[in-house]
Amino acid sequence: MNLDPVIHAPTRLQIMSLLAAVTEVEFAFVRDSLEISDSVLSKHSTALETAGYVEVRKGHVGKRPRTWLKLSPRGRQAFADYVDTLQRIVGRPLTGDPQST
């Protein structure tokens, strides 16, 4: 039962969690929601994109450049597997009953 090291970094876990709840979202929304800088989000979204977990789309709204992020099908599955693994880890019964001493 190993947690995916690509997702496990706290900021990447937050990004994946946010993206799992939407179809696609603007870069600025993720940045503002997680209260991180552009450079931090860029670094982590690039790592997730390299792993094939996030798709990045660039375009324009009017004359302003915009970037949108979304989970790829592979990323959606990887996140579901990560959450499942985490639930199995935290759902294990404790060995020994601390109340029985």
PDB file of N, CA and C in Angstrom:
ATOM      1  N   MET A   1       0.831  -1.174   0.000  1.00  0.00           N
ATOM      2  CA  MET A   1       0.000   0.000   0.000  1.00  0.00           C
ATOM      3  C   MET A   1       0.882   1.246   0.000  1.00  0.00           C
ATOM      4  N   ASN A   2       1.245   1.689  -1.170  1.00  0.00           N
ATOM      5  CA  ASN A   2       2.089   2.875  -1.279  1.00  0.00           C
ATOM      6  C   ASN A   2       1.290   4.046  -1.820  1.00  0.00           C
ATOM      7  N   LEU A   3       1.504   5.212  -1.235  1.00  0.00           N
ATOM      8  CA  LEU A   3       0.885   6.432  -1.735  1.00  0.00           C
ATOM      9  C   LEU A   3       1.715   6.978  -2.886  1.00  0.00           C
ATOM     10  N   ASP A   4       1.054   7.409  -3.943  1.00  0.00           N
ATOM     11  CA  ASP A   4       1.712   7.944  -5.135  1.00  0.00           C
ATOM     12  C   ASP A   4       2.558   9.167  -4.741  1.00  0.00           C
ATOM     13  N   PRO A   5       3.882   9.093  -4.905  1.00  0.00           N
ATOM     14  CA  PRO A   5       4.737  10.209  -4.501  1.00  0.00           C
ATOM     15  C   PRO A   5       4.508  11.481  -5.317  1.00  0.00           C
ATOM     16  N   VAL A   6       3.997  11.355  -6.535  1.00  0.00           N
ATOM     17  CA  VAL A   6       3.718  12.549  -7.342  1.00  0.00           C
ATOM     18  C   VAL A   6       2.571  13.340  -6.709  1.00  0.00           C
ATOM     19  N   ILE A   7       1.559  12.638  -6.231  1.00  0.00           N
ATOM     20  CA  ILE A   7       0.394  13.293  -5.629  1.00  0.00           C
ATOM     21  C   ILE A   7       0.654  13.656  -4.176  1.00  0.00           C
ATOM     22  N   HIS A   8       1.494  12.910  -3.496  1.00  0.00           N
ATOM     23  CA  HIS A   8       1.629  13.003  -2.046  1.00  0.00           C
ATOM     24  C   HIS A   8       2.158  14.349  -1.530  1.00  0.00           C
ATOM     25  N   ALA A   9       2.907  15.083  -2.328  1.00  0.00           N
ATOM     26  CA  ALA A   9       3.374  16.408  -1.890  1.00  0.00           C
ATOM     27  C   ALA A   9       2.153  17.260  -1.556  1.00  0.00           C
ATOM     28  N   PRO A  10       2.148  17.922  -0.410  1.00  0.00           N
ATOM     29  CA  PRO A  10       0.941  18.628   0.048  1.00  0.00           C
ATOM     30  C   PRO A  10       0.311  19.576  -0.976  1.00  0.00           C
ATOM     31  N   THR A  11       1.103  20.369  -1.660  1.00  0.00           N
ATOM     32  CA  THR A  11       0.527  21.308  -2.629  1.00  0.00           C
ATOM     33  C   THR A  11      -0.067  20.559  -3.812  1.00  0.00           C
ATOM     34  N   ARG A  12       0.609  19.510  -4.278  1.00  0.00           N
ATOM     35  CA  ARG A  12       0.062  18.737  -5.402  1.00  0.00           C
ATOM     36  C   ARG A  12      -1.208  18.008  -4.987  1.00  0.00           C
ATOM     37  N   LEU A  13      -1.272  17.534  -3.754  1.00  0.00           N
ATOM     38  CA  LEU A  13      -2.488  16.894  -3.255  1.00  0.00           C
ATOM     39  C   LEU A  13      -3.640  17.894  -3.244  1.00  0.00           C
ATOM     40  N   GLN A  14      -3.374  19.113  -2.821  1.00  0.00           N
ATOM     41  CA  GLN A  14      -4.418  20.151  -2.826  1.00  0.00           C
ATOM     42  C   GLN A  14      -4.880  20.470  -4.253  1.00  0.00           C
ATOM     43  N   ILE A  15      -3.941  20.544  -5.173  1.00  0.00           N
ATOM     44  CA  ILE A  15      -4.289  20.819  -6.576  1.00  0.00           C
ATOM     45  C   ILE A  15      -5.151  19.686  -7.115  1.00  0.00           C
ATOM     46  N   MET A  16      -4.725  18.460  -6.901  1.00  0.00           N
ATOM     47  CA  MET A  16      -5.470  17.304  -7.399  1.00  0.00           C
ATOM     48  C   MET A  16      -6.877  17.270  -6.795  1.00  0.00           C
ATOM     49  N   SER A  17      -6.976  17.544  -5.519  1.00  0.00           N
ATOM     50  CA  SER A  17      -8.267  17.541  -4.840  1.00  0.00           C
ATOM     51  C   SER A  17      -9.195  18.605  -5.425  1.00  0.00           C
ATOM     52  N   LEU A  18      -8.674  19.788  -5.637  1.00  0.00           N
ATOM     53  CA  LEU A  18      -9.483  20.853  -6.225  1.00  0.00           C
ATOM     54  C   LEU A  18      -9.916  20.481  -7.643  1.00  0.00           C
ATOM     55  N   LEU A  19      -8.991  19.976  -8.446  1.00  0.00           N
ATOM     56  CA  LEU A  19      -9.316  19.628  -9.833  1.00  0.00           C
ATOM     57  C   LEU A  19     -10.272  18.456  -9.926  1.00  0.00           C
ATOM     58  N   ALA A  20     -10.261  17.569  -8.937  1.00  0.00           N
ATOM     59  CA  ALA A  20     -11.165  16.411  -8.959  1.00  0.00           C
ATOM     60  C   ALA A  20     -12.625  16.840  -8.830  1.00  0.00           C
ATOM     61  N   ALA A  21     -12.845  18.035  -8.302  1.00  0.00           N
ATOM     62  CA  ALA A  21     -14.207  18.516  -8.068  1.00  0.00           C
ATOM     63  C   ALA A  21     -14.778  19.322  -9.241  1.00  0.00           C
ATOM     64  N   VAL A  22     -13.976  19.544 -10.279  1.00  0.00           N
ATOM     65  CA  VAL A  22     -14.411  20.378 -11.403  1.00  0.00           C
ATOM     66  C   VAL A  22     -14.081  19.693 -12.722  1.00  0.00           C
ATOM     67  N   THR A  23     -14.658  20.215 -13.797  1.00  0.00           N
ATOM     68  CA  THR A  23     -14.307  19.722 -15.131  1.00  0.00           C
ATOM     69  C   THR A  23     -13.018  20.374 -15.596  1.00  0.00           C
ATOM     70  N   GLU A  24     -12.966  21.684 -15.457  1.00  0.00           N
ATOM     71  CA  GLU A  24     -11.797  22.474 -15.851  1.00  0.00           C
ATOM     72  C   GLU A  24     -11.875  23.782 -15.082  1.00  0.00           C
ATOM     73  N   VAL A  25     -10.720  24.344 -14.740  1.00  0.00           N
ATOM     74  CA  VAL A  25     -10.713  25.571 -13.959  1.00  0.00           C
ATOM     75  C   VAL A  25      -9.537  26.446 -14.375  1.00  0.00           C
ATOM     76  N   GLU A  26      -9.732  27.736 -14.230  1.00  0.00           N
ATOM     77  CA  GLU A  26      -8.686  28.688 -14.603  1.00  0.00           C
ATOM     78  C   GLU A  26      -7.548  28.667 -13.580  1.00  0.00           C
ATOM     79  N   PHE A  27      -6.345  28.811 -14.079  1.00  0.00           N
ATOM     80  CA  PHE A  27      -5.124  28.828 -13.268  1.00  0.00           C
ATOM     81  C   PHE A  27      -5.264  29.777 -12.078  1.00  0.00           C
ATOM     82  N   ALA A  28      -5.762  30.978 -12.323  1.00  0.00           N
ATOM     83  CA  ALA A  28      -5.881  31.988 -11.262  1.00  0.00           C
ATOM     84  C   ALA A  28      -6.819  31.530 -10.154  1.00  0.00           C
ATOM     85  N   PHE A  29      -7.872  30.788 -10.498  1.00  0.00           N
ATOM     86  CA  PHE A  29      -8.794  30.284  -9.486  1.00  0.00           C
ATOM     87  C   PHE A  29      -8.085  29.292  -8.569  1.00  0.00           C
ATOM     88  N   VAL A  30      -7.285  28.405  -9.146  1.00  0.00           N
ATOM     89  CA  VAL A  30      -6.532  27.432  -8.340  1.00  0.00           C
ATOM     90  C   VAL A  30      -5.545  28.174  -7.443  1.00  0.00           C
ATOM     91  N   ARG A  31      -4.804  29.095  -8.026  1.00  0.00           N
ATOM     92  CA  ARG A  31      -3.828  29.883  -7.270  1.00  0.00           C
ATOM     93  C   ARG A  31      -4.480  30.588  -6.084  1.00  0.00           C
ATOM     94  N   ASP A  32      -5.585  31.263  -6.346  1.00  0.00           N
ATOM     95  CA  ASP A  32      -6.256  32.018  -5.291  1.00  0.00           C
ATOM     96  C   ASP A  32      -6.905  31.103  -4.256  1.00  0.00           C
ATOM     97  N   SER A  33      -7.489  30.009  -4.690  1.00  0.00           N
ATOM     98  CA  SER A  33      -8.136  29.071  -3.768  1.00  0.00           C
ATOM     99  C   SER A  33      -7.136  28.445  -2.813  1.00  0.00           C
ATOM    100  N   LEU A  34      -5.953  28.117  -3.332  1.00  0.00           N
ATOM    101  CA  LEU A  34      -4.934  27.470  -2.507  1.00  0.00           C
ATOM    102  C   LEU A  34      -4.008  28.475  -1.828  1.00  0.00           C
ATOM    103  N   GLU A  35      -4.170  29.750  -2.171  1.00  0.00           N
ATOM    104  CA  GLU A  35      -3.347  30.814  -1.598  1.00  0.00           C
ATOM    105  C   GLU A  35      -1.853  30.546  -1.788  1.00  0.00           C
ATOM    106  N   ILE A  36      -1.499  30.274  -3.050  1.00  0.00           N
ATOM    107  CA  ILE A  36      -0.101  30.047  -3.417  1.00  0.00           C
ATOM    108  C   ILE A  36       0.266  31.017  -4.528  1.00  0.00           C
ATOM    109  N   SER A  37       1.546  31.148  -4.790  1.00  0.00           N
ATOM    110  CA  SER A  37       2.013  32.066  -5.835  1.00  0.00           C
ATOM    111  C   SER A  37       1.893  31.415  -7.218  1.00  0.00           C
ATOM    112  N   ASP A  38       1.958  32.255  -8.242  1.00  0.00           N
ATOM    113  CA  ASP A  38       1.961  31.757  -9.618  1.00  0.00           C
ATOM    114  C   ASP A  38       3.090  30.757  -9.831  1.00  0.00           C
ATOM    115  N   SER A  39       4.282  31.096  -9.309  1.00  0.00           N
ATOM    116  CA  SER A  39       5.440  30.230  -9.546  1.00  0.00           C
ATOM    117  C   SER A  39       5.284  28.877  -8.859  1.00  0.00           C
ATOM    118  N   VAL A  40       4.721  28.854  -7.658  1.00  0.00           N
ATOM    119  CA  VAL A  40       4.510  27.578  -6.964  1.00  0.00           C
ATOM    120  C   VAL A  40       3.492  26.736  -7.726  1.00  0.00           C
ATOM    121  N   LEU A  41       2.384  27.352  -8.137  1.00  0.00           N
ATOM    122  CA  LEU A  41       1.379  26.607  -8.893  1.00  0.00           C
ATOM    123  C   LEU A  41       1.939  26.121 -10.219  1.00  0.00           C
ATOM    124  N   SER A  42       2.704  26.962 -10.878  1.00  0.00           N
ATOM    125  CA  SER A  42       3.305  26.576 -12.155  1.00  0.00           C
ATOM    126  C   SER A  42       4.230  25.371 -11.987  1.00  0.00           C
ATOM    127  N   LYS A  43       5.063  25.414 -10.957  1.00  0.00           N
ATOM    128  CA  LYS A  43       6.003  24.316 -10.696  1.00  0.00           C
ATOM    129  C   LYS A  43       5.256  22.999 -10.448  1.00  0.00           C
ATOM    130  N   HIS A  44       4.248  23.051  -9.595  1.00  0.00           N
ATOM    131  CA  HIS A  44       3.532  21.822  -9.247  1.00  0.00           C
ATOM    132  C   HIS A  44       2.620  21.348 -10.372  1.00  0.00           C
ATOM    133  N   SER A  45       2.001  22.275 -11.099  1.00  0.00           N
ATOM    134  CA  SER A  45       1.161  21.843 -12.212  1.00  0.00           C
ATOM    135  C   SER A  45       2.013  21.239 -13.331  1.00  0.00           C
ATOM    136  N   THR A  46       3.229  21.734 -13.498  1.00  0.00           N
ATOM    137  CA  THR A  46       4.140  21.136 -14.488  1.00  0.00           C
ATOM    138  C   THR A  46       4.517  19.715 -14.083  1.00  0.00           C
ATOM    139  N   ALA A  47       4.786  19.495 -12.800  1.00  0.00           N
ATOM    140  CA  ALA A  47       5.108  18.144 -12.321  1.00  0.00           C
ATOM    141  C   ALA A  47       3.925  17.209 -12.544  1.00  0.00           C
ATOM    142  N   LEU A  48       2.716  17.690 -12.290  1.00  0.00           N
ATOM    143  CA  LEU A  48       1.523  16.863 -12.491  1.00  0.00           C
ATOM    144  C   LEU A  48       1.262  16.628 -13.983  1.00  0.00           C
ATOM    145  N   GLU A  49       1.536  17.630 -14.796  1.00  0.00           N
ATOM    146  CA  GLU A  49       1.381  17.479 -16.245  1.00  0.00           C
ATOM    147  C   GLU A  49       2.403  16.472 -16.781  1.00  0.00           C
ATOM    148  N   THR A  50       3.633  16.547 -16.311  1.00  0.00           N
ATOM    149  CA  THR A  50       4.685  15.617 -16.735  1.00  0.00           C
ATOM    150  C   THR A  50       4.313  14.173 -16.393  1.00  0.00           C
ATOM    151  N   ALA A  51       3.653  13.994 -15.248  1.00  0.00           N
ATOM    152  CA  ALA A  51       3.210  12.656 -14.833  1.00  0.00           C
ATOM    153  C   ALA A  51       1.988  12.190 -15.616  1.00  0.00           C
ATOM    154  N   GLY A  52       1.392  13.091 -16.390  1.00  0.00           N
ATOM    155  CA  GLY A  52       0.209  12.739 -17.167  1.00  0.00           C
ATOM    156  C   GLY A  52      -1.086  12.871 -16.376  1.00  0.00           C
ATOM    157  N   TYR A  53      -1.034  13.545 -15.242  1.00  0.00           N
ATOM    158  CA  TYR A  53      -2.201  13.664 -14.367  1.00  0.00           C
ATOM    159  C   TYR A  53      -3.036  14.910 -14.642  1.00  0.00           C
ATOM    160  N   VAL A  54      -2.418  15.948 -15.172  1.00  0.00           N
ATOM    161  CA  VAL A  54      -3.098  17.217 -15.413  1.00  0.00           C
ATOM    162  C   VAL A  54      -2.894  17.626 -16.865  1.00  0.00           C
ATOM    163  N   GLU A  55      -3.953  18.159 -17.438  1.00  0.00           N
ATOM    164  CA  GLU A  55      -3.881  18.735 -18.782  1.00  0.00           C
ATOM    165  C   GLU A  55      -3.947  20.245 -18.646  1.00  0.00           C
ATOM    166  N   VAL A  56      -3.083  20.931 -19.371  1.00  0.00           N
ATOM    167  CA  VAL A  56      -3.013  22.384 -19.338  1.00  0.00           C
ATOM    168  C   VAL A  56      -3.442  22.904 -20.706  1.00  0.00           C
ATOM    169  N   ARG A  57      -4.370  23.837 -20.686  1.00  0.00           N
ATOM    170  CA  ARG A  57      -4.852  24.453 -21.935  1.00  0.00           C
ATOM    171  C   ARG A  57      -4.625  25.951 -21.835  1.00  0.00           C
ATOM    172  N   LYS A  58      -4.035  26.497 -22.879  1.00  0.00           N
ATOM    173  CA  LYS A  58      -3.775  27.943 -22.923  1.00  0.00           C
ATOM    174  C   LYS A  58      -4.642  28.566 -24.005  1.00  0.00           C
ATOM    175  N   GLY A  59      -5.103  29.771 -23.729  1.00  0.00           N
ATOM    176  CA  GLY A  59      -5.945  30.481 -24.683  1.00  0.00           C
ATOM    177  C   GLY A  59      -6.040  31.935 -24.288  1.00  0.00           C
ATOM    178  N   HIS A  60      -7.045  32.587 -24.825  1.00  0.00           N
ATOM    179  CA  HIS A  60      -7.251  34.007 -24.538  1.00  0.00           C
ATOM    180  C   HIS A  60      -8.716  34.253 -24.200  1.00  0.00           C
ATOM    181  N   VAL A  61      -8.925  35.190 -23.306  1.00  0.00           N
ATOM    182  CA  VAL A  61     -10.247  35.732 -23.053  1.00  0.00           C
ATOM    183  C   VAL A  61     -10.120  37.194 -23.442  1.00  0.00           C
ATOM    184  N   GLY A  62     -10.740  37.537 -24.559  1.00  0.00           N
ATOM    185  CA  GLY A  62     -10.484  38.856 -25.149  1.00  0.00           C
ATOM    186  C   GLY A  62      -9.038  38.870 -25.597  1.00  0.00           C
ATOM    187  N   LYS A  63      -8.289  39.838 -25.129  1.00  0.00           N
ATOM    188  CA  LYS A  63      -6.874  39.905 -25.493  1.00  0.00           C
ATOM    189  C   LYS A  63      -5.970  39.404 -24.384  1.00  0.00           C
ATOM    190  N   ARG A  64      -6.575  38.940 -23.302  1.00  0.00           N
ATOM    191  CA  ARG A  64      -5.779  38.501 -22.151  1.00  0.00           C
ATOM    192  C   ARG A  64      -5.498  36.998 -22.226  1.00  0.00           C
ATOM    193  N   PRO A  65      -4.235  36.634 -22.070  1.00  0.00           N
ATOM    194  CA  PRO A  65      -3.916  35.197 -22.056  1.00  0.00           C
ATOM    195  C   PRO A  65      -4.453  34.547 -20.785  1.00  0.00           C
ATOM    196  N   ARG A  66      -4.927  33.311 -20.929  1.00  0.00           N
ATOM    197  CA  ARG A  66      -5.442  32.549 -19.800  1.00  0.00           C
ATOM    198  C   ARG A  66      -4.926  31.112 -19.901  1.00  0.00           C
ATOM    199  N   THR A  67      -4.850  30.481 -18.728  1.00  0.00           N
ATOM    200  CA  THR A  67      -4.453  29.078 -18.656  1.00  0.00           C
ATOM    201  C   THR A  67      -5.506  28.343 -17.847  1.00  0.00           C
ATOM    202  N   TRP A  68      -5.913  27.183 -18.338  1.00  0.00           N
ATOM    203  CA  TRP A  68      -6.881  26.352 -17.642  1.00  0.00           C
ATOM    204  C   TRP A  68      -6.254  25.005 -17.321  1.00  0.00           C
ATOM    205  N   LEU A  69      -6.667  24.438 -16.201  1.00  0.00           N
ATOM    206  CA  LEU A  69      -6.162  23.140 -15.759  1.00  0.00           C
ATOM    207  C   LEU A  69      -7.324  22.178 -15.596  1.00  0.00           C
ATOM    208  N   LYS A  70      -7.061  20.913 -15.864  1.00  0.00           N
ATOM    209  CA  LYS A  70      -8.045  19.873 -15.584  1.00  0.00           C
ATOM    210  C   LYS A  70      -7.320  18.555 -15.387  1.00  0.00           C
ATOM    211  N   LEU A  71      -7.975  17.655 -14.671  1.00  0.00           N
ATOM    212  CA  LEU A  71      -7.398  16.323 -14.505  1.00  0.00           C
ATOM    213  C   LEU A  71      -7.569  15.551 -15.802  1.00  0.00           C
ATOM    214  N   SER A  72      -6.552  14.831 -16.188  1.00  0.00           N
ATOM    215  CA  SER A  72      -6.668  13.915 -17.309  1.00  0.00           C
ATOM    216  C   SER A  72      -7.395  12.667 -16.799  1.00  0.00           C
ATOM    217  N   PRO A  73      -7.875  11.804 -17.683  1.00  0.00           N
ATOM    218  CA  PRO A  73      -8.471  10.553 -17.212  1.00  0.00           C
ATOM    219  C   PRO A  73      -7.490   9.760 -16.330  1.00  0.00           C
ATOM    220  N   ARG A  74      -6.229   9.754 -16.726  1.00  0.00           N
ATOM    221  CA  ARG A  74      -5.205   9.068 -15.920  1.00  0.00           C
ATOM    222  C   ARG A  74      -5.058   9.735 -14.543  1.00  0.00           C
ATOM    223  N   GLY A  75      -5.103  11.060 -14.500  1.00  0.00           N
ATOM    224  CA  GLY A  75      -5.003  11.795 -13.248  1.00  0.00           C
ATOM    225  C   GLY A  75      -6.198  11.543 -12.352  1.00  0.00           C
ATOM    226  N   ARG A  76      -7.382  11.480 -12.938  1.00  0.00           N
ATOM    227  CA  ARG A  76      -8.596  11.211 -12.167  1.00  0.00           C
ATOM    228  C   ARG A  76      -8.501   9.826 -11.519  1.00  0.00           C
ATOM    229  N   GLN A  77      -8.005   8.852 -12.282  1.00  0.00           N
ATOM    230  CA  GLN A  77      -7.853   7.500 -11.743  1.00  0.00           C
ATOM    231  C   GLN A  77      -6.768   7.447 -10.678  1.00  0.00           C
ATOM    232  N   ALA A  78      -5.657   8.132 -10.922  1.00  0.00           N
ATOM    233  CA  ALA A  78      -4.564   8.159  -9.948  1.00  0.00           C
ATOM    234  C   ALA A  78      -5.023   8.789  -8.643  1.00  0.00           C
ATOM    235  N   PHE A  79      -5.832   9.849  -8.731  1.00  0.00           N
ATOM    236  CA  PHE A  79      -6.336  10.497  -7.519  1.00  0.00           C
ATOM    237  C   PHE A  79      -7.306   9.580  -6.783  1.00  0.00           C
ATOM    238  N   ALA A  80      -8.177   8.902  -7.518  1.00  0.00           N
ATOM    239  CA  ALA A  80      -9.112   7.957  -6.891  1.00  0.00           C
ATOM    240  C   ALA A  80      -8.341   6.841  -6.193  1.00  0.00           C
ATOM    241  N   ASP A  81      -7.299   6.330  -6.837  1.00  0.00           N
ATOM    242  CA  ASP A  81      -6.466   5.282  -6.232  1.00  0.00           C
ATOM    243  C   ASP A  81      -5.756   5.804  -4.986  1.00  0.00           C
ATOM    244  N   TYR A  82      -5.266   7.039  -5.041  1.00  0.00           N
ATOM    245  CA  TYR A  82      -4.581   7.654  -3.903  1.00  0.00           C
ATOM    246  C   TYR A  82      -5.531   7.759  -2.709  1.00  0.00           C
ATOM    247  N   VAL A  83      -6.732   8.263  -2.955  1.00  0.00           N
ATOM    248  CA  VAL A  83      -7.718   8.419  -1.883  1.00  0.00           C
ATOM    249  C   VAL A  83      -8.102   7.054  -1.317  1.00  0.00           C
ATOM    250  N   ASP A  84      -8.271   6.072  -2.187  1.00  0.00           N
ATOM    251  CA  ASP A  84      -8.598   4.719  -1.732  1.00  0.00           C
ATOM    252  C   ASP A  84      -7.491   4.165  -0.838  1.00  0.00           C
ATOM    253  N   THR A  85      -6.247   4.327  -1.259  1.00  0.00           N
ATOM    254  CA  THR A  85      -5.105   3.858  -0.461  1.00  0.00           C
ATOM    255  C   THR A  85      -5.053   4.571   0.875  1.00  0.00           C
ATOM    256  N   LEU A  86      -5.253   5.877   0.864  1.00  0.00           N
ATOM    257  CA  LEU A  86      -5.236   6.653   2.101  1.00  0.00           C
ATOM    258  C   LEU A  86      -6.355   6.188   3.046  1.00  0.00           C
ATOM    259  N   GLN A  87      -7.532   5.921   2.507  1.00  0.00           N
ATOM    260  CA  GLN A  87      -8.639   5.450   3.337  1.00  0.00           C
ATOM    261  C   GLN A  87      -8.336   4.079   3.941  1.00  0.00           C
ATOM    262  N   ARG A  88      -7.678   3.215   3.174  1.00  0.00           N
ATOM    263  CA  ARG A  88      -7.300   1.904   3.721  1.00  0.00           C
ATOM    264  C   ARG A  88      -6.263   2.047   4.819  1.00  0.00           C
ATOM    265  N   ILE A  89      -5.358   2.995   4.674  1.00  0.00           N
ATOM    266  CA  ILE A  89      -4.329   3.206   5.695  1.00  0.00           C
ATOM    267  C   ILE A  89      -4.960   3.736   6.983  1.00  0.00           C
ATOM    268  N   VAL A  90      -5.764   4.774   6.875  1.00  0.00           N
ATOM    269  CA  VAL A  90      -6.339   5.371   8.086  1.00  0.00           C
ATOM    270  C   VAL A  90      -7.483   4.539   8.649  1.00  0.00           C
ATOM    271  N   GLY A  91      -8.017   3.639   7.863  1.00  0.00           N
ATOM    272  CA  GLY A  91      -9.119   2.809   8.325  1.00  0.00           C
ATOM    273  C   GLY A  91      -8.682   1.550   9.047  1.00  0.00           C
ATOM    274  N   ARG A  92      -7.390   1.303   9.099  1.00  0.00           N
ATOM    275  CA  ARG A  92      -6.886   0.108   9.790  1.00  0.00           C
ATOM    276  C   ARG A  92      -7.156   0.225  11.287  1.00  0.00           C
ATOM    277  N   PRO A  93      -7.546  -0.878  11.896  1.00  0.00           N
ATOM    278  CA  PRO A  93      -7.718  -0.828  13.350  1.00  0.00           C
ATOM    279  C   PRO A  93      -6.358  -0.674  14.028  1.00  0.00           C
ATOM    280  N   LEU A  94      -6.353   0.061  15.127  1.00  0.00           N
ATOM    281  CA  LEU A  94      -5.124   0.230  15.896  1.00  0.00           C
ATOM    282  C   LEU A  94      -4.786  -1.089  16.573  1.00  0.00           C
ATOM    283  N   THR A  95      -3.492  -1.398  16.651  1.00  0.00           N
ATOM    284  CA  THR A  95      -3.085  -2.601  17.364  1.00  0.00           C
ATOM    285  C   THR A  95      -2.986  -2.267  18.837  1.00  0.00           C
ATOM    286  N   GLY A  96      -3.591  -3.071  19.639  1.00  0.00           N
ATOM    287  CA  GLY A  96      -3.597  -2.799  21.070  1.00  0.00           C
ATOM    288  C   GLY A  96      -4.592  -1.722  21.401  1.00  0.00           C
ATOM    289  N   ASP A  97      -5.315  -1.868  22.439  1.00  0.00           N
ATOM    290  CA  ASP A  97      -6.321  -0.901  22.846  1.00  0.00           C
ATOM    291  C   ASP A  97      -5.745  -0.022  23.947  1.00  0.00           C
ATOM    292  N   PRO A  98      -5.477   1.248  23.650  1.00  0.00           N
ATOM    293  CA  PRO A  98      -4.875   2.124  24.657  1.00  0.00           C
ATOM    294  C   PRO A  98      -5.790   2.313  25.878  1.00  0.00           C
ATOM    295  N   GLN A  99      -7.065   2.032  25.761  1.00  0.00           N
ATOM    296  CA  GLN A  99      -8.012   2.183  26.855  1.00  0.00           C
ATOM    297  C   GLN A  99      -7.972   0.994  27.818  1.00  0.00           C
ATOM    298  N   SER A 100      -7.357  -0.116  27.391  1.00  0.00           N
ATOM    299  CA  SER A 100      -7.415  -1.329  28.214  1.00  0.00           C
ATOM    300  C   SER A 100      -6.249  -1.441  29.201  1.00  0.00           C
ATOM    301  N   THR A 101      -5.385  -0.457  29.293  1.00  0.00           N
ATOM    302  CA  THR A 101      -4.252  -0.541  30.217  1.00  0.00           C
ATOM    303  C   THR A 101      -4.601  -0.110  31.606  1.00  0.00           C
TER     304      THR A 101
END
